[in-house]
Each structure stands twice: as C-alpha cells, then as structure tokens.
Amino acid sequence: MRKIMLVGRTGCGKTTLTQALKGKEITYHKTQYINNFDVIIDTPGEYAENKKLARALILYSYEADVIGLLMSSLEEYSLYSPNIAAGATREVVGIVTQIDNKNARADLAEAWLSLAGCKKIFHISSYTGEGIPNLLDYLKEDDDILPWEK
C-alpha cells in the first residue's frame, strides 16, 4: 500500500477521511500535530494555513508516496496556489471532500484542484463512503492487504 499524506485547510475532512479509509466510526477529533500512521499521514490544517508551519509539511512529504491535497466542496476560495503540485517531489492527487452536503460545489473544488496541478482527482464522502473504494484501489499496489485488515 502506498503511503498518502493528507494536506488541507482546517475542517476540510482530513481526519474524517483517515477514519473512513480505515473503516473506523466517524468521530470528531481535532488533529493537533502530524499523525504518521502506517499508511496515512494526517496533518493539522494550521500547517497548510501558516507559512512557518508549512515547512513541516515539506519535511513529512518525504515519508509519503502520494500527497493528497484536500479541498472541501464547500470552500469559498482555494488555499492552493496555481500549479503548486509542480514543486512536489511526490505524486500529488486532489481529493474533493464533503460531496454529500446539500450546498456542495464539487465542480468548483475540482476546478481549483486541477488549477493547483492535480491530474487525478477523487470525489469523497467520508460519511456515505462514496469514492472511498476508488481512493483505496488507487493507493493499493498489486496484492496489497491493508495494514488494518491483517
């Protein structure tokens, strides 16, 4: 299984997605520091929102095989600069979250992630499970068994 690092603004659904990917019950938990799990690195939103803390994201990206830029489908603007993915030394994918919300604008979030340089974009609802199997399949390598399925 390829290791993914989840990056995004506070409240975009990084920790909720972590719980959904692991098949856990969805409970609110505010991430206070970088959690480096077996195949998921969950990062606090403040690290993406603050220039000085963002340095830690750069360092931790070397621990990952894939960087997931998350954007809620409820966002009013993009946190990501155009073509920011070009500077990464890892594969970067986009993940549109909260697509189950009645006010979701997944098409706008997808356009912003595309502008940021994401070639592959997933649409996810951690609550309904929509899109979760697609992301897991993408991260799996041949004959992979997820660490929490062992």
Protein backbone atom coordinates (compact mmCIF):
# COMPACT_ATOMS: atom_id res chain seq x y z
CA MET A 1 0.00 0.00 0.00
CA ARG A 2 1.35 3.39 -0.94
CA LYS A 3 1.51 5.87 1.93
CA ILE A 4 -0.57 9.05 1.49
CA MET A 5 -0.13 12.37 3.26
CA LEU A 6 -3.36 14.37 3.62
CA VAL A 7 -2.99 18.16 3.40
CA GLY A 8 -5.66 20.84 3.54
CA ARG A 9 -7.37 23.62 5.40
CA THR A 10 -8.83 23.14 8.88
CA GLY A 11 -12.21 21.45 8.63
CA CYS A 12 -11.78 20.10 5.09
CA GLY A 13 -12.08 16.50 6.30
CA LYS A 14 -8.54 15.10 6.62
CA THR A 15 -9.06 13.28 9.91
CA THR A 16 -12.57 12.19 8.94
CA LEU A 17 -11.16 10.76 5.71
CA THR A 18 -8.44 8.99 7.70
CA GLN A 19 -11.15 7.34 9.82
CA ALA A 20 -13.19 6.42 6.73
CA LEU A 21 -10.20 4.92 4.91
CA LYS A 22 -9.52 2.73 7.93
CA GLY A 23 -13.18 1.71 8.20
CA LYS A 24 -13.48 3.31 11.63
CA GLU A 25 -16.50 5.01 13.15
CA ILE A 26 -16.51 8.70 12.22
CA THR A 27 -15.97 10.79 15.35
CA TYR A 28 -14.81 14.38 15.68
CA HIS A 29 -11.15 14.68 16.57
CA LYS A 30 -9.11 17.85 16.17
CA THR A 31 -5.64 16.98 14.87
CA GLN A 32 -3.10 18.90 16.94
CA TYR A 33 0.09 17.53 15.40
CA ILE A 34 1.18 15.40 12.46
CA ASN A 35 -0.02 11.81 12.91
CA ASN A 36 2.18 9.41 10.97
CA PHE A 37 0.12 6.22 10.82
CA ASP A 38 1.01 3.02 8.97
CA VAL A 39 -0.10 4.20 5.50
CA ILE A 40 -1.69 7.60 6.21
CA ILE A 41 -0.10 10.84 7.39
CA ASP A 42 -2.81 13.11 8.83
CA THR A 43 -1.75 16.75 9.16
CA PRO A 44 -3.30 19.67 11.05
CA GLY A 45 -4.98 22.28 8.87
CA GLU A 46 -2.96 25.02 10.51
CA TYR A 47 0.17 23.60 8.87
CA ALA A 48 -1.28 24.33 5.41
CA GLU A 49 -2.64 27.72 6.51
CA ASN A 50 0.54 29.07 8.15
CA LYS A 51 3.72 29.74 6.16
CA LYS A 52 6.07 28.87 9.04
CA LEU A 53 4.28 25.62 9.92
CA ALA A 54 4.12 24.63 6.24
CA ARG A 55 7.80 23.76 6.40
CA ALA A 56 6.87 20.68 8.42
CA LEU A 57 4.62 19.53 5.57
CA ILE A 58 7.55 19.70 3.19
CA LEU A 59 9.68 17.57 5.53
CA TYR A 60 6.94 14.99 6.14
CA SER A 61 6.18 14.72 2.43
CA TYR A 62 9.39 12.68 2.11
CA GLU A 63 7.73 10.00 4.26
CA ALA A 64 4.84 9.64 1.77
CA ASP A 65 4.46 8.08 -1.65
CA VAL A 66 1.46 10.24 -2.56
CA ILE A 67 0.38 13.72 -1.42
CA GLY A 68 -3.37 14.23 -1.21
CA LEU A 69 -4.47 17.88 -1.48
CA LEU A 70 -7.90 18.02 0.12
CA MET A 71 -10.49 20.65 -0.64
CA SER A 72 -13.97 20.74 0.77
CA SER A 73 -16.74 21.16 -1.79
CA LEU A 74 -17.99 23.97 0.49
CA GLU A 75 -14.87 26.17 0.13
CA GLU A 76 -15.27 29.83 -0.83
CA TYR A 77 -11.72 30.09 -2.20
CA SER A 78 -8.69 27.90 -2.87
CA LEU A 79 -5.90 27.57 -0.35
CA TYR A 80 -3.57 26.32 -3.08
CA SER A 81 -1.54 28.43 -5.48
CA PRO A 82 -1.86 27.66 -9.18
CA ASN A 83 0.40 24.78 -10.22
CA ILE A 84 1.71 24.23 -6.68
CA ALA A 85 1.85 20.48 -7.35
CA ALA A 86 4.68 21.02 -9.83
CA GLY A 87 7.07 21.70 -6.96
CA ALA A 88 6.38 18.39 -5.21
CA THR A 89 8.82 15.51 -5.29
CA ARG A 90 5.94 13.06 -4.86
CA GLU A 91 2.82 12.28 -6.86
CA VAL A 92 0.04 14.76 -5.98
CA VAL A 93 -3.66 13.89 -6.21
CA GLY A 94 -6.67 16.04 -5.47
CA ILE A 95 -9.43 14.95 -3.10
CA VAL A 96 -12.75 16.80 -3.08
CA THR A 97 -14.47 16.16 0.26
CA GLN A 98 -17.92 16.71 1.75
CA ILE A 99 -19.65 15.98 -1.56
CA ASP A 100 -22.73 14.74 0.32
CA ASN A 101 -23.52 18.23 1.67
CA LYS A 102 -26.60 19.86 0.10
CA ASN A 103 -24.53 23.02 -0.59
CA ALA A 104 -21.65 21.11 -2.19
CA ARG A 105 -19.96 22.62 -5.23
CA ALA A 106 -17.70 19.72 -6.12
CA ASP A 107 -17.18 21.02 -9.65
CA LEU A 108 -15.67 24.27 -8.34
CA ALA A 109 -13.41 22.44 -5.87
CA GLU A 110 -12.31 20.10 -8.67
CA ALA A 111 -11.50 23.07 -10.91
CA TRP A 112 -9.35 24.63 -8.17
CA LEU A 113 -7.50 21.35 -7.56
CA SER A 114 -6.95 20.98 -11.28
CA LEU A 115 -5.55 24.53 -11.37
CA ALA A 116 -3.23 23.56 -8.50
CA GLY A 117 -1.81 20.87 -10.78
CA CYS A 118 -3.65 17.73 -9.66
CA LYS A 119 -4.04 15.37 -12.62
CA LYS A 120 -6.05 12.74 -10.70
CA ILE A 121 -8.98 13.97 -8.56
CA PHE A 122 -11.22 11.90 -6.29
CA HIS A 123 -14.69 12.89 -5.04
CA ILE A 124 -15.23 11.65 -1.49
CA SER A 125 -17.94 11.49 1.14
CA SER A 126 -16.46 10.03 4.30
CA TYR A 127 -19.96 9.69 5.77
CA THR A 128 -21.66 7.84 2.89
CA GLY A 129 -18.49 6.08 1.75
CA GLU A 130 -18.81 7.38 -1.81
CA GLY A 131 -15.42 7.46 -3.50
CA ILE A 132 -13.57 5.70 -0.66
CA PRO A 133 -13.12 2.40 -2.59
CA ASN A 134 -11.76 4.30 -5.60
CA LEU A 135 -9.11 6.04 -3.49
CA LEU A 136 -8.16 2.79 -1.71
CA ASP A 137 -7.83 0.98 -5.04
CA TYR A 138 -5.63 3.79 -6.34
CA LEU A 139 -3.31 3.52 -3.33
CA LYS A 140 -3.07 -0.26 -3.38
CA GLU A 141 -0.18 -1.98 -5.02
CA ASP A 142 -0.50 -5.46 -6.51
CA ASP A 143 -1.78 -8.00 -3.95
CA ASP A 144 -1.84 -5.41 -1.15
CA ILE A 145 -3.64 -6.09 2.08
CA LEU A 146 -4.42 -3.01 4.15
CA PRO A 147 -2.48 -2.95 7.45
CA TRP A 148 -5.69 -2.86 9.50
CA GLU A 149 -7.07 -5.89 7.60
CA LYS A 150 -4.21 -8.16 8.74
